[in-house]
Amino acid sequence: MALFKLSRHRKYVSDERYYAWFELAYTAVDVCAAGLFVIGSVMFFFEEWQKVGTWCFLIGSICFALKPVLRIIRELRYLEKDDYEDLAKRLKDDP
Protein backbone atom coordinates (compact mmCIF):
# COMPACT_ATOMS: atom_id res chain seq x y z
CA MET A 1 0.00 0.00 0.00
CA ALA A 2 1.58 3.24 -1.10
CA LEU A 3 0.79 6.48 0.66
CA PHE A 4 0.87 9.78 -1.22
CA LYS A 5 -0.46 8.24 -4.42
CA LEU A 6 -2.00 11.02 -6.52
CA SER A 7 -4.33 8.67 -8.37
CA ARG A 8 -6.04 7.84 -5.08
CA HIS A 9 -6.60 11.52 -4.31
CA ARG A 10 -8.59 11.94 -7.50
CA LYS A 11 -10.82 9.07 -6.44
CA TYR A 12 -12.58 11.23 -3.87
CA VAL A 13 -14.13 14.01 -5.94
CA SER A 14 -16.35 14.96 -3.00
CA ASP A 15 -13.23 15.69 -0.95
CA GLU A 16 -11.86 18.45 -3.21
CA ARG A 17 -12.58 21.08 -0.57
CA TYR A 18 -10.92 18.99 2.16
CA TYR A 19 -7.87 18.39 -0.05
CA ALA A 20 -7.69 22.10 -0.90
CA TRP A 21 -7.74 23.06 2.79
CA PHE A 22 -4.86 20.68 3.50
CA GLU A 23 -2.87 22.10 0.60
CA LEU A 24 -3.57 25.64 1.83
CA ALA A 25 -2.47 24.71 5.37
CA TYR A 26 0.64 22.98 4.00
CA THR A 27 1.59 26.05 1.96
CA ALA A 28 0.88 28.44 4.85
CA VAL A 29 3.10 26.41 7.19
CA ASP A 30 5.81 26.35 4.52
CA VAL A 31 5.68 30.14 4.06
CA CYS A 32 5.72 30.73 7.84
CA ALA A 33 8.71 28.43 8.30
CA ALA A 34 10.66 30.08 5.49
CA GLY A 35 9.81 33.55 6.79
CA LEU A 36 10.90 32.68 10.31
CA PHE A 37 14.20 31.31 9.02
CA VAL A 38 14.89 34.46 7.00
CA ILE A 39 13.99 36.70 9.95
CA GLY A 40 16.07 34.56 12.31
CA SER A 41 19.03 34.72 9.94
CA VAL A 42 18.88 38.52 9.77
CA MET A 43 18.58 38.74 13.57
CA PHE A 44 21.80 36.75 13.94
CA PHE A 45 23.73 39.68 12.45
CA PHE A 46 22.96 41.69 15.61
CA GLU A 47 24.12 40.38 18.96
CA GLU A 48 21.18 41.84 20.91
CA TRP A 49 18.70 40.02 18.60
CA GLN A 50 20.37 36.59 18.61
CA LYS A 51 18.14 35.16 21.34
CA VAL A 52 14.98 36.18 19.46
CA GLY A 53 16.56 34.86 16.25
CA THR A 54 17.11 31.50 17.95
CA TRP A 55 13.42 31.37 18.85
CA CYS A 56 12.55 32.13 15.22
CA PHE A 57 14.70 29.17 14.14
CA LEU A 58 13.02 26.91 16.69
CA ILE A 59 9.49 27.92 15.68
CA GLY A 60 10.45 27.65 11.99
CA SER A 61 11.77 24.14 12.62
CA ILE A 62 8.50 23.18 14.30
CA CYS A 63 6.66 24.52 11.23
CA PHE A 64 8.81 22.37 8.96
CA ALA A 65 8.02 19.38 11.19
CA LEU A 66 4.28 20.10 10.80
CA LYS A 67 4.44 19.70 7.02
CA PRO A 68 4.81 15.90 6.96
CA VAL A 69 2.35 15.62 9.85
CA LEU A 70 -0.29 17.43 7.75
CA ARG A 71 0.33 15.10 4.83
CA ILE A 72 0.11 12.01 7.03
CA ILE A 73 -3.18 13.23 8.53
CA ARG A 74 -4.57 13.79 5.04
CA GLU A 75 -3.41 10.35 3.86
CA LEU A 76 -4.89 8.65 6.92
CA ARG A 77 -8.21 10.29 6.16
CA TYR A 78 -8.10 8.82 2.66
CA LEU A 79 -7.18 5.43 4.07
CA GLU A 80 -10.17 5.69 6.40
CA LYS A 81 -12.51 5.86 3.40
CA ASP A 82 -11.24 2.63 1.84
CA ASP A 83 -12.57 -0.70 2.93
CA TYR A 84 -10.12 -3.42 3.97
CA GLU A 85 -10.45 -5.37 0.71
CA ASP A 86 -9.31 -2.38 -1.34
CA LEU A 87 -6.41 -1.74 1.02
CA ALA A 88 -5.31 -5.37 0.88
CA LYS A 89 -5.54 -5.41 -2.92
CA ARG A 90 -3.51 -2.21 -3.23
CA LEU A 91 -0.86 -3.57 -0.86
CA LYS A 92 -0.66 -6.78 -2.86
CA ASP A 93 -0.46 -4.94 -6.21
CA ASP A 94 2.29 -2.47 -5.16
CA PRO A 95 5.84 -3.67 -5.88
PDB file of N, CA and C in Angstrom:
ATOM      1  N   MET A   1       0.848  -1.174   0.000  1.00  0.00           N
ATOM      2  CA  MET A   1       0.000   0.000   0.000  1.00  0.00           C
ATOM      3  C   MET A   1       0.892   1.235   0.000  1.00  0.00           C
ATOM      4  N   ALA A   2       0.757   2.047  -0.990  1.00  0.00           N
ATOM      5  CA  ALA A   2       1.580   3.243  -1.098  1.00  0.00           C
ATOM      6  C   ALA A   2       0.787   4.466  -0.640  1.00  0.00           C
ATOM      7  N   LEU A   3       1.373   5.203   0.270  1.00  0.00           N
ATOM      8  CA  LEU A   3       0.787   6.480   0.660  1.00  0.00           C
ATOM      9  C   LEU A   3       1.196   7.521  -0.375  1.00  0.00           C
ATOM     10  N   PHE A   4       0.542   8.646  -0.359  1.00  0.00           N
ATOM     11  CA  PHE A   4       0.868   9.781  -1.219  1.00  0.00           C
ATOM     12  C   PHE A   4       0.754   9.414  -2.699  1.00  0.00           C
ATOM     13  N   LYS A   5      -0.227   8.637  -3.044  1.00  0.00           N
ATOM     14  CA  LYS A   5      -0.463   8.239  -4.424  1.00  0.00           C
ATOM     15  C   LYS A   5      -1.511   9.175  -5.020  1.00  0.00           C
ATOM     16  N   LEU A   6      -1.111  10.002  -5.975  1.00  0.00           N
ATOM     17  CA  LEU A   6      -2.003  11.020  -6.520  1.00  0.00           C
ATOM     18  C   LEU A   6      -3.263  10.421  -7.119  1.00  0.00           C
ATOM     19  N   SER A   7      -3.156   9.267  -7.749  1.00  0.00           N
ATOM     20  CA  SER A   7      -4.331   8.666  -8.374  1.00  0.00           C
ATOM     21  C   SER A   7      -5.427   8.395  -7.354  1.00  0.00           C
ATOM     22  N   ARG A   8      -5.058   8.094  -6.124  1.00  0.00           N
ATOM     23  CA  ARG A   8      -6.036   7.844  -5.077  1.00  0.00           C
ATOM     24  C   ARG A   8      -6.721   9.138  -4.661  1.00  0.00           C
ATOM     25  N   HIS A   9      -6.016  10.240  -4.716  1.00  0.00           N
ATOM     26  CA  HIS A   9      -6.598  11.525  -4.315  1.00  0.00           C
ATOM     27  C   HIS A   9      -7.715  11.932  -5.268  1.00  0.00           C
ATOM     28  N   ARG A  10      -7.570  11.590  -6.520  1.00  0.00           N
ATOM     29  CA  ARG A  10      -8.592  11.940  -7.501  1.00  0.00           C
ATOM     30  C   ARG A  10      -9.827  11.063  -7.357  1.00  0.00           C
ATOM     31  N   LYS A  11      -9.706   9.988  -6.632  1.00  0.00           N
ATOM     32  CA  LYS A  11     -10.825   9.068  -6.442  1.00  0.00           C
ATOM     33  C   LYS A  11     -11.953   9.740  -5.672  1.00  0.00           C
ATOM     34  N   TYR A  12     -11.598  10.611  -4.751  1.00  0.00           N
ATOM     35  CA  TYR A  12     -12.579  11.230  -3.868  1.00  0.00           C
ATOM     36  C   TYR A  12     -12.917  12.633  -4.358  1.00  0.00           C
ATOM     37  N   VAL A  13     -13.746  12.715  -5.362  1.00  0.00           N
ATOM     38  CA  VAL A  13     -14.127  14.005  -5.937  1.00  0.00           C
ATOM     39  C   VAL A  13     -14.844  14.852  -4.892  1.00  0.00           C
ATOM     40  N   SER A  14     -15.611  14.216  -4.018  1.00  0.00           N
ATOM     41  CA  SER A  14     -16.350  14.962  -3.002  1.00  0.00           C
ATOM     42  C   SER A  14     -15.418  15.593  -1.972  1.00  0.00           C
ATOM     43  N   ASP A  15     -14.180  15.174  -1.932  1.00  0.00           N
ATOM     44  CA  ASP A  15     -13.232  15.694  -0.951  1.00  0.00           C
ATOM     45  C   ASP A  15     -12.338  16.795  -1.501  1.00  0.00           C
ATOM     46  N   GLU A  16     -12.703  17.403  -2.626  1.00  0.00           N
ATOM     47  CA  GLU A  16     -11.857  18.445  -3.208  1.00  0.00           C
ATOM     48  C   GLU A  16     -11.643  19.603  -2.244  1.00  0.00           C
ATOM     49  N   ARG A  17     -12.700  19.981  -1.536  1.00  0.00           N
ATOM     50  CA  ARG A  17     -12.578  21.084  -0.573  1.00  0.00           C
ATOM     51  C   ARG A  17     -11.632  20.699   0.562  1.00  0.00           C
ATOM     52  N   TYR A  18     -11.781  19.483   1.077  1.00  0.00           N
ATOM     53  CA  TYR A  18     -10.919  18.993   2.156  1.00  0.00           C
ATOM     54  C   TYR A  18      -9.458  18.971   1.702  1.00  0.00           C
ATOM     55  N   TYR A  19      -9.225  18.453   0.499  1.00  0.00           N
ATOM     56  CA  TYR A  19      -7.871  18.389  -0.047  1.00  0.00           C
ATOM     57  C   TYR A  19      -7.302  19.801  -0.219  1.00  0.00           C
ATOM     58  N   ALA A  20      -8.134  20.726  -0.703  1.00  0.00           N
ATOM     59  CA  ALA A  20      -7.691  22.103  -0.904  1.00  0.00           C
ATOM     60  C   ALA A  20      -7.306  22.759   0.424  1.00  0.00           C
ATOM     61  N   TRP A  21      -8.076  22.500   1.482  1.00  0.00           N
ATOM     62  CA  TRP A  21      -7.743  23.058   2.794  1.00  0.00           C
ATOM     63  C   TRP A  21      -6.402  22.530   3.292  1.00  0.00           C
ATOM     64  N   PHE A  22      -6.144  21.235   3.083  1.00  0.00           N
ATOM     65  CA  PHE A  22      -4.859  20.677   3.497  1.00  0.00           C
ATOM     66  C   PHE A  22      -3.713  21.286   2.702  1.00  0.00           C
ATOM     67  N   GLU A  23      -3.916  21.479   1.409  1.00  0.00           N
ATOM     68  CA  GLU A  23      -2.872  22.098   0.596  1.00  0.00           C
ATOM     69  C   GLU A  23      -2.626  23.539   1.031  1.00  0.00           C
ATOM     70  N   LEU A  24      -3.707  24.264   1.355  1.00  0.00           N
ATOM     71  CA  LEU A  24      -3.573  25.635   1.834  1.00  0.00           C
ATOM     72  C   LEU A  24      -2.815  25.665   3.166  1.00  0.00           C
ATOM     73  N   ALA A  25      -3.164  24.781   4.082  1.00  0.00           N
ATOM     74  CA  ALA A  25      -2.470  24.708   5.371  1.00  0.00           C
ATOM     75  C   ALA A  25      -1.002  24.355   5.166  1.00  0.00           C
ATOM     76  N   TYR A  26      -0.733  23.405   4.288  1.00  0.00           N
ATOM     77  CA  TYR A  26       0.636  22.976   4.004  1.00  0.00           C
ATOM     78  C   TYR A  26       1.460  24.152   3.474  1.00  0.00           C
ATOM     79  N   THR A  27       0.881  24.904   2.544  1.00  0.00           N
ATOM     80  CA  THR A  27       1.585  26.045   1.961  1.00  0.00           C
ATOM     81  C   THR A  27       1.780  27.159   2.990  1.00  0.00           C
ATOM     82  N   ALA A  28       0.771  27.407   3.817  1.00  0.00           N
ATOM     83  CA  ALA A  28       0.879  28.437   4.854  1.00  0.00           C
ATOM     84  C   ALA A  28       1.987  28.096   5.854  1.00  0.00           C
ATOM     85  N   VAL A  29       2.050  26.846   6.263  1.00  0.00           N
ATOM     86  CA  VAL A  29       3.097  26.412   7.195  1.00  0.00           C
ATOM     87  C   VAL A  29       4.464  26.563   6.535  1.00  0.00           C
ATOM     88  N   ASP A  30       4.557  26.224   5.252  1.00  0.00           N
ATOM     89  CA  ASP A  30       5.809  26.346   4.515  1.00  0.00           C
ATOM     90  C   ASP A  30       6.272  27.801   4.450  1.00  0.00           C
ATOM     91  N   VAL A  31       5.348  28.720   4.142  1.00  0.00           N
ATOM     92  CA  VAL A  31       5.684  30.144   4.059  1.00  0.00           C
ATOM     93  C   VAL A  31       6.100  30.678   5.435  1.00  0.00           C
ATOM     94  N   CYS A  32       5.378  30.284   6.479  1.00  0.00           N
ATOM     95  CA  CYS A  32       5.724  30.732   7.839  1.00  0.00           C
ATOM     96  C   CYS A  32       7.115  30.246   8.235  1.00  0.00           C
ATOM     97  N   ALA A  33       7.398  28.988   7.952  1.00  0.00           N
ATOM     98  CA  ALA A  33       8.711  28.430   8.303  1.00  0.00           C
ATOM     99  C   ALA A  33       9.819  29.172   7.566  1.00  0.00           C
ATOM    100  N   ALA A  34       9.636  29.377   6.273  1.00  0.00           N
ATOM    101  CA  ALA A  34      10.659  30.080   5.490  1.00  0.00           C
ATOM    102  C   ALA A  34      10.841  31.508   6.001  1.00  0.00           C
ATOM    103  N   GLY A  35       9.730  32.191   6.269  1.00  0.00           N
ATOM    104  CA  GLY A  35       9.809  33.552   6.792  1.00  0.00           C
ATOM    105  C   GLY A  35      10.539  33.630   8.123  1.00  0.00           C
ATOM    106  N   LEU A  36      10.235  32.695   9.009  1.00  0.00           N
ATOM    107  CA  LEU A  36      10.903  32.677  10.314  1.00  0.00           C
ATOM    108  C   LEU A  36      12.401  32.409  10.173  1.00  0.00           C
ATOM    109  N   PHE A  37      12.780  31.571   9.231  1.00  0.00           N
ATOM    110  CA  PHE A  37      14.204  31.306   9.025  1.00  0.00           C
ATOM    111  C   PHE A  37      14.920  32.522   8.452  1.00  0.00           C
ATOM    112  N   VAL A  38      14.280  33.243   7.557  1.00  0.00           N
ATOM    113  CA  VAL A  38      14.893  34.457   7.001  1.00  0.00           C
ATOM    114  C   VAL A  38      15.026  35.521   8.092  1.00  0.00           C
ATOM    115  N   ILE A  39      13.958  35.720   8.855  1.00  0.00           N
ATOM    116  CA  ILE A  39      13.991  36.704   9.949  1.00  0.00           C
ATOM    117  C   ILE A  39      15.049  36.314  10.977  1.00  0.00           C
ATOM    118  N   GLY A  40      15.072  35.028  11.347  1.00  0.00           N
ATOM    119  CA  GLY A  40      16.071  34.555  12.312  1.00  0.00           C
ATOM    120  C   GLY A  40      17.487  34.751  11.806  1.00  0.00           C
ATOM    121  N   SER A  41      17.693  34.539  10.519  1.00  0.00           N
ATOM    122  CA  SER A  41      19.033  34.721   9.940  1.00  0.00           C
ATOM    123  C   SER A  41      19.469  36.179  10.009  1.00  0.00           C
ATOM    124  N   VAL A  42      18.557  37.099   9.704  1.00  0.00           N
ATOM    125  CA  VAL A  42      18.881  38.524   9.772  1.00  0.00           C
ATOM    126  C   VAL A  42      19.169  38.920  11.217  1.00  0.00           C
ATOM    127  N   MET A  43      18.387  38.403  12.148  1.00  0.00           N
ATOM    128  CA  MET A  43      18.581  38.739  13.567  1.00  0.00           C
ATOM    129  C   MET A  43      19.945  38.284  14.082  1.00  0.00           C
ATOM    130  N   PHE A  44      20.506  37.244  13.487  1.00  0.00           N
ATOM    131  CA  PHE A  44      21.803  36.754  13.942  1.00  0.00           C
ATOM    132  C   PHE A  44      22.945  37.702  13.599  1.00  0.00           C
ATOM    133  N   PHE A  45      22.702  38.686  12.742  1.00  0.00           N
ATOM    134  CA  PHE A  45      23.726  39.677  12.449  1.00  0.00           C
ATOM    135  C   PHE A  45      23.907  40.659  13.606  1.00  0.00           C
ATOM    136  N   PHE A  46      22.923  40.747  14.489  1.00  0.00           N
ATOM    137  CA  PHE A  46      22.955  41.686  15.607  1.00  0.00           C
ATOM    138  C   PHE A  46      22.943  40.910  16.917  1.00  0.00           C
ATOM    139  N   GLU A  47      23.950  41.152  17.730  1.00  0.00           N
ATOM    140  CA  GLU A  47      24.117  40.378  18.964  1.00  0.00           C
ATOM    141  C   GLU A  47      22.914  40.486  19.898  1.00  0.00           C
ATOM    142  N   GLU A  48      22.315  41.664  19.993  1.00  0.00           N
ATOM    143  CA  GLU A  48      21.178  41.845  20.906  1.00  0.00           C
ATOM    144  C   GLU A  48      19.919  41.120  20.419  1.00  0.00           C
ATOM    145  N   TRP A  49      19.872  40.709  19.158  1.00  0.00           N
ATOM    146  CA  TRP A  49      18.704  40.025  18.602  1.00  0.00           C
ATOM    147  C   TRP A  49      18.915  38.514  18.441  1.00  0.00           C
ATOM    148  N   GLN A  50      20.077  37.997  18.838  1.00  0.00           N
ATOM    149  CA  GLN A  50      20.370  36.589  18.614  1.00  0.00           C
ATOM    150  C   GLN A  50      19.434  35.647  19.375  1.00  0.00           C
ATOM    151  N   LYS A  51      19.038  36.026  20.576  1.00  0.00           N
ATOM    152  CA  LYS A  51      18.138  35.163  21.343  1.00  0.00           C
ATOM    153  C   LYS A  51      16.772  35.061  20.646  1.00  0.00           C
ATOM    154  N   VAL A  52      16.254  36.191  20.176  1.00  0.00           N
ATOM    155  CA  VAL A  52      14.976  36.185  19.458  1.00  0.00           C
ATOM    156  C   VAL A  52      15.138  35.413  18.144  1.00  0.00           C
ATOM    157  N   GLY A  53      16.280  35.591  17.480  1.00  0.00           N
ATOM    158  CA  GLY A  53      16.558  34.858  16.245  1.00  0.00           C
ATOM    159  C   GLY A  53      16.573  33.356  16.467  1.00  0.00           C
ATOM    160  N   THR A  54      17.109  32.919  17.607  1.00  0.00           N
ATOM    161  CA  THR A  54      17.114  31.496  17.949  1.00  0.00           C
ATOM    162  C   THR A  54      15.698  30.974  18.103  1.00  0.00           C
ATOM    163  N   TRP A  55      14.826  31.769  18.709  1.00  0.00           N
ATOM    164  CA  TRP A  55      13.421  31.370  18.847  1.00  0.00           C
ATOM    165  C   TRP A  55      12.747  31.276  17.479  1.00  0.00           C
ATOM    166  N   CYS A  56      13.102  32.202  16.578  1.00  0.00           N
ATOM    167  CA  CYS A  56      12.551  32.134  15.218  1.00  0.00           C
ATOM    168  C   CYS A  56      12.970  30.834  14.538  1.00  0.00           C
ATOM    169  N   PHE A  57      14.229  30.432  14.714  1.00  0.00           N
ATOM    170  CA  PHE A  57      14.696  29.174  14.141  1.00  0.00           C
ATOM    171  C   PHE A  57      13.949  27.981  14.737  1.00  0.00           C
ATOM    172  N   LEU A  58      13.729  28.017  16.041  1.00  0.00           N
ATOM    173  CA  LEU A  58      13.023  26.907  16.693  1.00  0.00           C
ATOM    174  C   LEU A  58      11.581  26.806  16.189  1.00  0.00           C
ATOM    175  N   ILE A  59      10.888  27.933  16.146  1.00  0.00           N
ATOM    176  CA  ILE A  59       9.490  27.922  15.682  1.00  0.00           C
ATOM    177  C   ILE A  59       9.435  27.541  14.197  1.00  0.00           C
ATOM    178  N   GLY A  60      10.383  28.031  13.403  1.00  0.00           N
ATOM    179  CA  GLY A  60      10.453  27.654  11.995  1.00  0.00           C
ATOM    180  C   GLY A  60      10.680  26.162  11.820  1.00  0.00           C
ATOM    181  N   SER A  61      11.531  25.587  12.669  1.00  0.00           N
ATOM    182  CA  SER A  61      11.774  24.140  12.616  1.00  0.00           C
ATOM    183  C   SER A  61      10.520  23.353  12.964  1.00  0.00           C
ATOM    184  N   ILE A  62       9.767  23.841  13.931  1.00  0.00           N
ATOM    185  CA  ILE A  62       8.504  23.180  14.300  1.00  0.00           C
ATOM    186  C   ILE A  62       7.532  23.252  13.117  1.00  0.00           C
ATOM    187  N   CYS A  63       7.508  24.393  12.425  1.00  0.00           N
ATOM    188  CA  CYS A  63       6.655  24.518  11.233  1.00  0.00           C
ATOM    189  C   CYS A  63       7.064  23.503  10.171  1.00  0.00           C
ATOM    190  N   PHE A  64       8.362  23.361   9.937  1.00  0.00           N
ATOM    191  CA  PHE A  64       8.813  22.373   8.958  1.00  0.00           C
ATOM    192  C   PHE A  64       8.428  20.961   9.389  1.00  0.00           C
ATOM    193  N   ALA A  65       8.424  20.694  10.693  1.00  0.00           N
ATOM    194  CA  ALA A  65       8.017  19.376  11.193  1.00  0.00           C
ATOM    195  C   ALA A  65       6.513  19.151  11.015  1.00  0.00           C
ATOM    196  N   LEU A  66       5.731  20.218  10.994  1.00  0.00           N
ATOM    197  CA  LEU A  66       4.284  20.102  10.799  1.00  0.00           C
ATOM    198  C   LEU A  66       3.906  19.683   9.378  1.00  0.00           C
ATOM    199  N   LYS A  67       4.757  20.002   8.415  1.00  0.00           N
ATOM    200  CA  LYS A  67       4.435  19.696   7.023  1.00  0.00           C
ATOM    201  C   LYS A  67       4.190  18.206   6.796  1.00  0.00           C
ATOM    202  N   PRO A  68       5.100  17.319   7.176  1.00  0.00           N
ATOM    203  CA  PRO A  68       4.807  15.899   6.958  1.00  0.00           C
ATOM    204  C   PRO A  68       3.657  15.402   7.824  1.00  0.00           C
ATOM    205  N   VAL A  69       3.469  16.007   8.992  1.00  0.00           N
ATOM    206  CA  VAL A  69       2.346  15.616   9.846  1.00  0.00           C
ATOM    207  C   VAL A  69       1.026  15.921   9.142  1.00  0.00           C
ATOM    208  N   LEU A  70       0.921  17.085   8.501  1.00  0.00           N
ATOM    209  CA  LEU A  70      -0.292  17.432   7.754  1.00  0.00           C
ATOM    210  C   LEU A  70      -0.547  16.437   6.621  1.00  0.00           C
ATOM    211  N   ARG A  71       0.499  16.063   5.928  1.00  0.00           N
ATOM    212  CA  ARG A  71       0.331  15.099   4.826  1.00  0.00           C
ATOM    213  C   ARG A  71      -0.091  13.732   5.348  1.00  0.00           C
ATOM    214  N   ILE A  72       0.481  13.309   6.457  1.00  0.00           N
ATOM    215  CA  ILE A  72       0.108  12.011   7.034  1.00  0.00           C
ATOM    216  C   ILE A  72      -1.350  12.033   7.475  1.00  0.00           C
ATOM    217  N   ILE A  73      -1.776  13.118   8.095  1.00  0.00           N
ATOM    218  CA  ILE A  73      -3.180  13.226   8.529  1.00  0.00           C
ATOM    219  C   ILE A  73      -4.101  13.134   7.318  1.00  0.00           C
ATOM    220  N   ARG A  74      -3.751  13.844   6.247  1.00  0.00           N
ATOM    221  CA  ARG A  74      -4.570  13.794   5.039  1.00  0.00           C
ATOM    222  C   ARG A  74      -4.613  12.378   4.465  1.00  0.00           C
ATOM    223  N   GLU A  75      -3.464  11.707   4.392  1.00  0.00           N
ATOM    224  CA  GLU A  75      -3.413  10.350   3.858  1.00  0.00           C
ATOM    225  C   GLU A  75      -4.208   9.377   4.723  1.00  0.00           C
ATOM    226  N   LEU A  76      -4.129   9.529   6.030  1.00  0.00           N
ATOM    227  CA  LEU A  76      -4.889   8.645   6.920  1.00  0.00           C
ATOM    228  C   LEU A  76      -6.378   8.835   6.722  1.00  0.00           C
ATOM    229  N   ARG A  77      -6.793  10.055   6.434  1.00  0.00           N
ATOM    230  CA  ARG A  77      -8.210  10.289   6.163  1.00  0.00           C
ATOM    231  C   ARG A  77      -8.639   9.552   4.898  1.00  0.00           C
ATOM    232  N   TYR A  78      -7.785   9.559   3.883  1.00  0.00           N
ATOM    233  CA  TYR A  78      -8.100   8.820   2.662  1.00  0.00           C
ATOM    234  C   TYR A  78      -8.109   7.314   2.919  1.00  0.00           C
ATOM    235  N   LEU A  79      -7.191   6.854   3.741  1.00  0.00           N
ATOM    236  CA  LEU A  79      -7.176   5.427   4.066  1.00  0.00           C
ATOM    237  C   LEU A  79      -8.434   5.024   4.824  1.00  0.00           C
ATOM    238  N   GLU A  80      -8.940   5.934   5.643  1.00  0.00           N
ATOM    239  CA  GLU A  80     -10.171   5.690   6.395  1.00  0.00           C
ATOM    240  C   GLU A  80     -11.352   5.385   5.480  1.00  0.00           C
ATOM    241  N   LYS A  81     -11.380   6.020   4.315  1.00  0.00           N
ATOM    242  CA  LYS A  81     -12.506   5.863   3.400  1.00  0.00           C
ATOM    243  C   LYS A  81     -12.493   4.531   2.658  1.00  0.00           C
ATOM    244  N   ASP A  82     -11.337   3.908   2.552  1.00  0.00           N
ATOM    245  CA  ASP A  82     -11.239   2.633   1.838  1.00  0.00           C
ATOM    246  C   ASP A  82     -11.679   1.492   2.735  1.00  0.00           C
ATOM    247  N   ASP A  83     -12.275   0.483   2.126  1.00  0.00           N
ATOM    248  CA  ASP A  83     -12.573  -0.704   2.926  1.00  0.00           C
ATOM    249  C   ASP A  83     -11.334  -1.594   2.915  1.00  0.00           C
ATOM    250  N   TYR A  84     -11.304  -2.595   3.792  1.00  0.00           N
ATOM    251  CA  TYR A  84     -10.123  -3.422   3.973  1.00  0.00           C
ATOM    252  C   TYR A  84      -9.764  -4.221   2.723  1.00  0.00           C
ATOM    253  N   GLU A  85     -10.744  -4.615   1.942  1.00  0.00           N
ATOM    254  CA  GLU A  85     -10.453  -5.373   0.715  1.00  0.00           C
ATOM    255  C   GLU A  85      -9.656  -4.524  -0.267  1.00  0.00           C
ATOM    256  N   ASP A  86     -10.047  -3.260  -0.440  1.00  0.00           N
ATOM    257  CA  ASP A  86      -9.308  -2.381  -1.342  1.00  0.00           C
ATOM    258  C   ASP A  86      -7.887  -2.146  -0.836  1.00  0.00           C
ATOM    259  N   LEU A  87      -7.743  -1.953   0.458  1.00  0.00           N
ATOM    260  CA  LEU A  87      -6.412  -1.740   1.019  1.00  0.00           C
ATOM    261  C   LEU A  87      -5.530  -2.959   0.804  1.00  0.00           C
ATOM    262  N   ALA A  88      -6.082  -4.146   1.051  1.00  0.00           N
ATOM    263  CA  ALA A  88      -5.308  -5.375   0.883  1.00  0.00           C
ATOM    264  C   ALA A  88      -4.923  -5.568  -0.578  1.00  0.00           C
ATOM    265  N   LYS A  89      -5.832  -5.270  -1.492  1.00  0.00           N
ATOM    266  CA  LYS A  89      -5.541  -5.410  -2.915  1.00  0.00           C
ATOM    267  C   LYS A  89      -4.441  -4.445  -3.331  1.00  0.00           C
ATOM    268  N   ARG A  90      -4.511  -3.199  -2.884  1.00  0.00           N
ATOM    269  CA  ARG A  90      -3.508  -2.207  -3.226  1.00  0.00           C
ATOM    270  C   ARG A  90      -2.139  -2.607  -2.679  1.00  0.00           C
ATOM    271  N   LEU A  91      -2.111  -3.120  -1.455  1.00  0.00           N
ATOM    272  CA  LEU A  91      -0.860  -3.573  -0.858  1.00  0.00           C
ATOM    273  C   LEU A  91      -0.272  -4.710  -1.652  1.00  0.00           C
ATOM    274  N   LYS A  92      -1.107  -5.621  -2.086  1.00  0.00           N
ATOM    275  CA  LYS A  92      -0.661  -6.784  -2.858  1.00  0.00           C
ATOM    276  C   LYS A  92      -0.171  -6.368  -4.247  1.00  0.00           C
ATOM    277  N   ASP A  93      -0.802  -5.367  -4.863  1.00  0.00           N
ATOM    278  CA  ASP A  93      -0.457  -4.937  -6.208  1.00  0.00           C
ATOM    279  C   ASP A  93       0.792  -4.056  -6.254  1.00  0.00           C
ATOM    280  N   ASP A  94       1.118  -3.354  -5.165  1.00  0.00           N
ATOM    281  CA  ASP A  94       2.293  -2.473  -5.160  1.00  0.00           C
ATOM    282  C   ASP A  94       3.569  -3.302  -5.096  1.00  0.00           C
ATOM    283  N   PRO A  95       4.569  -2.913  -5.905  1.00  0.00           N
ATOM    284  CA  PRO A  95       5.837  -3.666  -5.884  1.00  0.00           C
ATOM    285  C   PRO A  95       6.620  -3.441  -4.624  1.00  0.00           C
TER     286      PRO A  95
END
